[in-house]
C-alpha atoms as a PDB file:
ATOM      1  CA  MET A   1     148.653  88.902  98.253  1.00  0.00           C
ATOM      2  CA  THR A   2     148.900  86.823 101.242  1.00  0.00           C
ATOM      3  CA  ARG A   3     146.070  86.177 103.447  1.00  0.00           C
ATOM      4  CA  GLY A   4     147.121  88.677 106.146  1.00  0.00           C
ATOM      5  CA  ALA A   5     148.003  91.233 103.616  1.00  0.00           C
ATOM      6  CA  ALA A   6     144.234  90.611 101.928  1.00  0.00           C
ATOM      7  CA  ALA A   7     142.777  90.425 105.890  1.00  0.00           C
ATOM      8  CA  LEU A   8     144.655  94.236 106.719  1.00  0.00           C
ATOM      9  CA  VAL A   9     143.603  95.704 103.516  1.00  0.00           C
ATOM     10  CA  ILE A  10     139.918  94.588 104.447  1.00  0.00           C
ATOM     11  CA  LEU A  11     140.364  95.601 107.718  1.00  0.00           C
ATOM     12  CA  LEU A  12     141.683  99.119 107.013  1.00  0.00           C
ATOM     13  CA  THR A  13     138.894  99.859 104.504  1.00  0.00           C
ATOM     14  CA  VAL A  14     136.141  98.830 107.126  1.00  0.00           C
ATOM     15  CA  VAL A  15     137.551 100.764 109.722  1.00  0.00           C
ATOM     16  CA  ALA A  16     138.123 103.775 107.802  1.00  0.00           C
ATOM     17  CA  ASP A  17     134.552 103.649 106.254  1.00  0.00           C
ATOM     18  CA  GLN A  18     133.017 103.250 109.779  1.00  0.00           C
ATOM     19  CA  ALA A  19     135.266 106.028 111.466  1.00  0.00           C
ATOM     20  CA  ILE A  20     134.136 108.532 108.704  1.00  0.00           C
ATOM     21  CA  LYS A  21     130.184 107.491 109.014  1.00  0.00           C
ATOM     22  CA  ALA A  22     130.623 108.039 112.824  1.00  0.00           C
ATOM     23  CA  VAL A  23     131.944 111.425 112.428  1.00  0.00           C
ATOM     24  CA  VAL A  24     129.335 112.412 109.989  1.00  0.00           C
ATOM     25  CA  VAL A  25     126.594 110.883 111.978  1.00  0.00           C
ATOM     26  CA  ALA A  26     128.192 112.554 115.258  1.00  0.00           C
ATOM     27  CA  THR A  27     128.671 116.044 113.950  1.00  0.00           C
ATOM     28  CA  MET A  28     126.148 116.492 110.763  1.00  0.00           C
ATOM     29  CA  ALA A  29     122.439 116.688 110.920  1.00  0.00           C
ATOM     30  CA  LEU A  30     120.407 114.666 108.339  1.00  0.00           C
ATOM     31  CA  GLY A  31     120.516 116.515 105.210  1.00  0.00           C
ATOM     32  CA  GLY A  32     123.213 118.743 106.477  1.00  0.00           C
ATOM     33  CA  SER A  33     125.978 120.004 104.020  1.00  0.00           C
ATOM     34  CA  VAL A  34     129.449 121.504 104.306  1.00  0.00           C
ATOM     35  CA  GLU A  35     131.172 122.791 101.262  1.00  0.00           C
ATOM     36  CA  LEU A  36     134.786 121.735 100.807  1.00  0.00           C
ATOM     37  CA  LEU A  37     135.255 122.621  97.265  1.00  0.00           C
ATOM     38  CA  PRO A  38     132.924 124.548  94.714  1.00  0.00           C
ATOM     39  CA  PHE A  39     132.258 120.710  93.473  1.00  0.00           C
ATOM     40  CA  LEU A  40     132.552 118.448  96.565  1.00  0.00           C
ATOM     41  CA  ALA A  41     130.577 118.582  99.506  1.00  0.00           C
ATOM     42  CA  LEU A  42     129.901 116.441 102.614  1.00  0.00           C
ATOM     43  CA  TYR A  43     126.265 115.811 102.765  1.00  0.00           C
ATOM     44  CA  HIS A  44     124.829 113.525 105.311  1.00  0.00           C
ATOM     45  CA  ALA A  45     122.371 111.048 103.771  1.00  0.00           C
ATOM     46  CA  ARG A  46     120.709 107.917 104.273  1.00  0.00           C
ATOM     47  CA  ASN A  47     120.589 105.460 101.747  1.00  0.00           C
ATOM     48  CA  ASP A  48     117.880 102.574 102.234  1.00  0.00           C
ATOM     49  CA  GLY A  49     118.737 100.703  99.045  1.00  0.00           C
ATOM     50  CA  ILE A  50     121.811  99.744  97.591  1.00  0.00           C
ATOM     51  CA  ALA A  51     123.852 101.435  94.948  1.00  0.00           C
ATOM     52  CA  PHE A  52     121.905 104.659  93.779  1.00  0.00           C
ATOM     53  CA  SER A  53     119.129 103.728  96.455  1.00  0.00           C
ATOM     54  CA  MET A  54     118.029 100.538  94.137  1.00  0.00           C
ATOM     55  CA  PHE A  55     116.096  97.776  95.662  1.00  0.00           C
ATOM     56  CA  ALA A  56     114.806 100.440  98.560  1.00  0.00           C
ATOM     57  CA  GLY A  57     111.790  98.212  98.888  1.00  0.00           C
ATOM     58  CA  PHE A  58     113.631  95.112  99.713  1.00  0.00           C
ATOM     59  CA  GLY A  59     113.559  95.698 103.597  1.00  0.00           C
ATOM     60  CA  ASP A  60     116.784  95.524 105.452  1.00  0.00           C
ATOM     61  CA  LEU A  61     116.668  91.633 105.890  1.00  0.00           C
ATOM     62  CA  GLY A  62     116.301  91.198 101.881  1.00  0.00           C
ATOM     63  CA  LEU A  63     119.338  93.618 101.560  1.00  0.00           C
ATOM     64  CA  ALA A  64     121.355  92.278 104.183  1.00  0.00           C
ATOM     65  CA  LEU A  65     120.687  88.778 102.462  1.00  0.00           C
ATOM     66  CA  MET A  66     121.564  90.058  98.818  1.00  0.00           C
ATOM     67  CA  ALA A  67     124.974  91.322 100.391  1.00  0.00           C
ATOM     68  CA  VAL A  68     125.602  88.254 101.913  1.00  0.00           C
ATOM     69  CA  VAL A  69     125.165  86.517  98.734  1.00  0.00           C
ATOM     70  CA  VAL A  70     126.916  88.831  96.688  1.00  0.00           C
ATOM     71  CA  LEU A  71     129.688  88.610  99.394  1.00  0.00           C
ATOM     72  CA  GLY A  72     129.905  84.884  99.035  1.00  0.00           C
ATOM     73  CA  PHE A  73     130.238  85.067  95.145  1.00  0.00           C
ATOM     74  CA  VAL A  74     132.926  87.809  95.191  1.00  0.00           C
ATOM     75  CA  PHE A  75     135.111  85.196  97.633  1.00  0.00           C
ATOM     76  CA  TRP A  76     134.312  82.368  95.351  1.00  0.00           C
ATOM     77  CA  LEU A  77     135.942  84.750  92.424  1.00  0.00           C
ATOM     78  CA  TRP A  78     138.704  85.788  94.306  1.00  0.00           C
ATOM     79  CA  TRP A  79     139.528  82.305  95.518  1.00  0.00           C
ATOM     80  CA  LYS A  80     139.552  81.363  91.837  1.00  0.00           C
ATOM     81  CA  THR A  81     141.805  83.959  90.806  1.00  0.00           C
ATOM     82  CA  PRO A  82     145.463  83.105  89.958  1.00  0.00           C
ATOM     83  CA  ALA A  83     147.916  84.252  92.487  1.00  0.00           C
ATOM     84  CA  ASP A  84     149.955  86.441  89.981  1.00  0.00           C
ATOM     85  CA  ARG A  85     147.015  88.519  89.627  1.00  0.00           C
ATOM     86  CA  ARG A  86     148.268  91.117  92.148  1.00  0.00           C
ATOM     87  CA  LEU A  87     146.011  93.881  91.144  1.00  0.00           C
ATOM     88  CA  THR A  88     142.955  91.788  90.944  1.00  0.00           C
ATOM     89  CA  HIS A  89     143.525  90.339  94.143  1.00  0.00           C
ATOM     90  CA  VAL A  90     144.035  93.917  95.979  1.00  0.00           C
ATOM     91  CA  ALA A  91     140.987  94.884  93.767  1.00  0.00           C
ATOM     92  CA  PHE A  92     138.825  91.924  95.617  1.00  0.00           C
ATOM     93  CA  ALA A  93     140.328  92.979  99.093  1.00  0.00           C
ATOM     94  CA  ILE A  94     138.967  96.599  98.931  1.00  0.00           C
ATOM     95  CA  ILE A  95     135.742  95.358  97.337  1.00  0.00           C
ATOM     96  CA  VAL A  96     135.046  93.070 100.352  1.00  0.00           C
ATOM     97  CA  GLY A  97     136.189  95.888 102.741  1.00  0.00           C
ATOM     98  CA  GLY A  98     133.242  98.227 101.180  1.00  0.00           C
ATOM     99  CA  ALA A  99     130.729  95.535 101.039  1.00  0.00           C
ATOM    100  CA  ILE A 100     131.462  94.765 104.547  1.00  0.00           C
ATOM    101  CA  GLY A 101     131.529  98.314 105.720  1.00  0.00           C
ATOM    102  CA  ASN A 102     128.180  98.863 104.106  1.00  0.00           C
ATOM    103  CA  LEU A 103     126.732  95.454 105.587  1.00  0.00           C
ATOM    104  CA  ILE A 104     127.694  96.790 109.109  1.00  0.00           C
ATOM    105  CA  ASP A 105     125.743  99.849 108.476  1.00  0.00           C
ATOM    106  CA  ARG A 106     122.535  97.951 107.067  1.00  0.00           C
ATOM    107  CA  VAL A 107     122.432  95.457 109.977  1.00  0.00           C
ATOM    108  CA  ARG A 108     122.932  97.991 112.890  1.00  0.00           C
ATOM    109  CA  LEU A 109     120.932 100.961 111.269  1.00  0.00           C
ATOM    110  CA  GLY A 110     118.695  99.411 108.722  1.00  0.00           C
ATOM    111  CA  TYR A 111     120.009 102.192 106.162  1.00  0.00           C
ATOM    112  CA  VAL A 112     123.750 103.118 104.576  1.00  0.00           C
ATOM    113  CA  VAL A 113     124.718 106.580 105.753  1.00  0.00           C
ATOM    114  CA  ASP A 114     126.281 108.442 102.850  1.00  0.00           C
ATOM    115  CA  TYR A 115     128.324 111.351 102.645  1.00  0.00           C
ATOM    116  CA  VAL A 116     130.273 112.645  99.643  1.00  0.00           C
ATOM    117  CA  LEU A 117     128.396 114.713  97.059  1.00  0.00           C
ATOM    118  CA  PHE A 118     129.814 116.056  93.805  1.00  0.00           C
ATOM    119  CA  HIS A 119     127.993 118.785  92.115  1.00  0.00           C
ATOM    120  CA  THR A 120     127.855 121.569  89.803  1.00  0.00           C
ATOM    121  CA  PRO A 121     125.169 124.548  90.353  1.00  0.00           C
ATOM    122  CA  VAL A 122     123.014 122.501  87.847  1.00  0.00           C
ATOM    123  CA  TRP A 123     123.975 118.942  88.415  1.00  0.00           C
ATOM    124  CA  SER A 124     124.761 116.743  91.140  1.00  0.00           C
ATOM    125  CA  PHE A 125     125.866 112.906  91.148  1.00  0.00           C
ATOM    126  CA  ALA A 126     124.256 110.363  93.421  1.00  0.00           C
ATOM    127  CA  VAL A 127     125.945 110.823  97.370  1.00  0.00           C
ATOM    128  CA  PHE A 128     128.007 107.978  98.393  1.00  0.00           C
ATOM    129  CA  ASN A 129     130.678 106.949 100.857  1.00  0.00           C
ATOM    130  CA  LEU A 130     134.040 105.467 101.251  1.00  0.00           C
ATOM    131  CA  ALA A 131     132.931 101.952 100.889  1.00  0.00           C
ATOM    132  CA  ASP A 132     130.863 102.573  97.971  1.00  0.00           C
ATOM    133  CA  ALA A 133     133.910 104.158  96.334  1.00  0.00           C
ATOM    134  CA  CYS A 134     136.270 101.033  97.407  1.00  0.00           C
ATOM    135  CA  ILE A 135     133.885  98.901  95.523  1.00  0.00           C
ATOM    136  CA  SER A 136     133.545 100.788  92.331  1.00  0.00           C
ATOM    137  CA  VAL A 137     137.124 101.382  92.320  1.00  0.00           C
ATOM    138  CA  GLY A 138     137.930  97.496  93.210  1.00  0.00           C
ATOM    139  CA  ALA A 139     135.369  96.843  90.212  1.00  0.00           C
ATOM    140  CA  VAL A 140     137.634  99.185  87.965  1.00  0.00           C
ATOM    141  CA  ALA A 141     140.754  97.578  88.726  1.00  0.00           C
ATOM    142  CA  ILE A 142     139.758  93.940  88.042  1.00  0.00           C
ATOM    143  CA  VAL A 143     138.362  95.175  84.717  1.00  0.00           C
ATOM    144  CA  VAL A 144     141.531  96.870  83.475  1.00  0.00           C
ATOM    145  CA  ASP A 145     143.293  93.988  85.489  1.00  0.00           C
ATOM    146  CA  GLU A 146     141.283  91.462  83.249  1.00  0.00           C
ATOM    147  CA  PHE A 147     141.024  93.496  79.957  1.00  0.00           C
ATOM    148  CA  LEU A 148     144.132  95.393  79.384  1.00  0.00           C
ATOM    149  CA  LEU A 149     146.816  93.868  81.759  1.00  0.00           C
ATOM    150  CA  GLY A 150     145.618  90.543  80.919  1.00  0.00           C
ATOM    151  CA  ARG A 151     145.390  90.630  77.607  1.00  0.00           C
ATOM    152  CA  ARG A 152     148.889  92.326  77.583  1.00  0.00           C
ATOM    153  CA  GLU A 153     150.279  89.034  79.260  1.00  0.00           C
ATOM    154  CA  GLU A 154     148.458  86.754  76.561  1.00  0.00           C
ATOM    155  CA  LYS A 155     150.358  88.737  74.004  1.00  0.00           C
ATOM    156  CA  GLY A 156     153.666  88.088  75.630  1.00  0.00           C
ATOM    157  CA  ALA A 157     152.996  84.586  76.416  1.00  0.00           C
ATOM    158  CA  LYS A 158     152.266  83.795  72.442  1.00  0.00           C
ATOM    159  CA  ALA A 159     155.128  85.829  71.417  1.00  0.00           C
ATOM    160  CA  ASP A 160     157.527  83.929  73.438  1.00  0.00           C
ATOM    161  CA  GLY A 161     155.834  80.903  72.569  1.00  0.00           C
ATOM    162  CA  ALA A 162     156.476  81.716  68.856  1.00  0.00           C
ATOM    163  CA  LYS A 163     160.377  81.997  69.497  1.00  0.00           C
ATOM    164  CA  ALA A 164     160.657  78.671  71.134  1.00  0.00           C
ATOM    165  CA  PRO A 165     161.202  75.167  69.199  1.00  0.00           C
ATOM    166  CA  ASP A 166     158.012  73.681  68.307  1.00  0.00           C
ATOM    167  CA  GLU A 167     158.274  70.697  70.606  1.00  0.00           C
ATOM    168  CA  THR A 168     155.107  69.260  69.820  1.00  0.00           C
ATOM    169  CA  MET A 169     156.459  68.074  65.825  1.00  0.00           C
ATOM    170  CA  PRO A 170     157.319  64.700  65.549  1.00  0.00           C
ATOM    171  CA  GLY A 171     161.032  64.311  65.004  1.00  0.00           C
ATOM    172  CA  LYS A 172     161.893  67.432  67.134  1.00  0.00           C
ATOM    173  CA  PRO A 173     163.486  66.661  70.320  1.00  0.00           C
ATOM    174  CA  GLY A 174     161.990  68.573  73.456  1.00  0.00           C
ATOM    175  CA  PRO A 175     163.895  70.437  76.203  1.00  0.00           C
ATOM    176  CA  GLY A 176     166.327  68.399  78.059  1.00  0.00           C
ATOM    177  CA  THR A 177     166.581  65.676  75.567  1.00  0.00           C
ATOM    178  CA  ASP A 178     169.873  64.300  73.827  1.00  0.00           C
END
């Protein structure tokens, strides 16, 4: 993924996240709910912590600093990722976009606007937003790429290596020798 493509994915993620949050805040009262499907609702909520309201007691500055440190670590991991791992590069771009979207809320508002609620009559999942979904989907994509697709590539490389002549054995000429 080129830097320009990565920047575009990040920008689109942040813009979509912030636009949806702006519509929710402008059109729904805090705690207001709109049923979309029998198991899905828009529900305007505030999250004073991070995922699932963890670390809510850290305060705005503490959570913002934690987000910046985590973003720095994600950028470092991304930079260390080989160029041929396309899925991982896309995943890092949407993770960064989601993290920036939530960081904007945290710095600007002191909390994160959440609005997606999956539920049944007897159970409900934590309320979340597009940025949270991007972070989660990106993390799953990295795991899939690393543990499933990466393993397949390793097996393919080993199989290809077994078919090639052993270039390390003494007395056997290597490729390009006469």
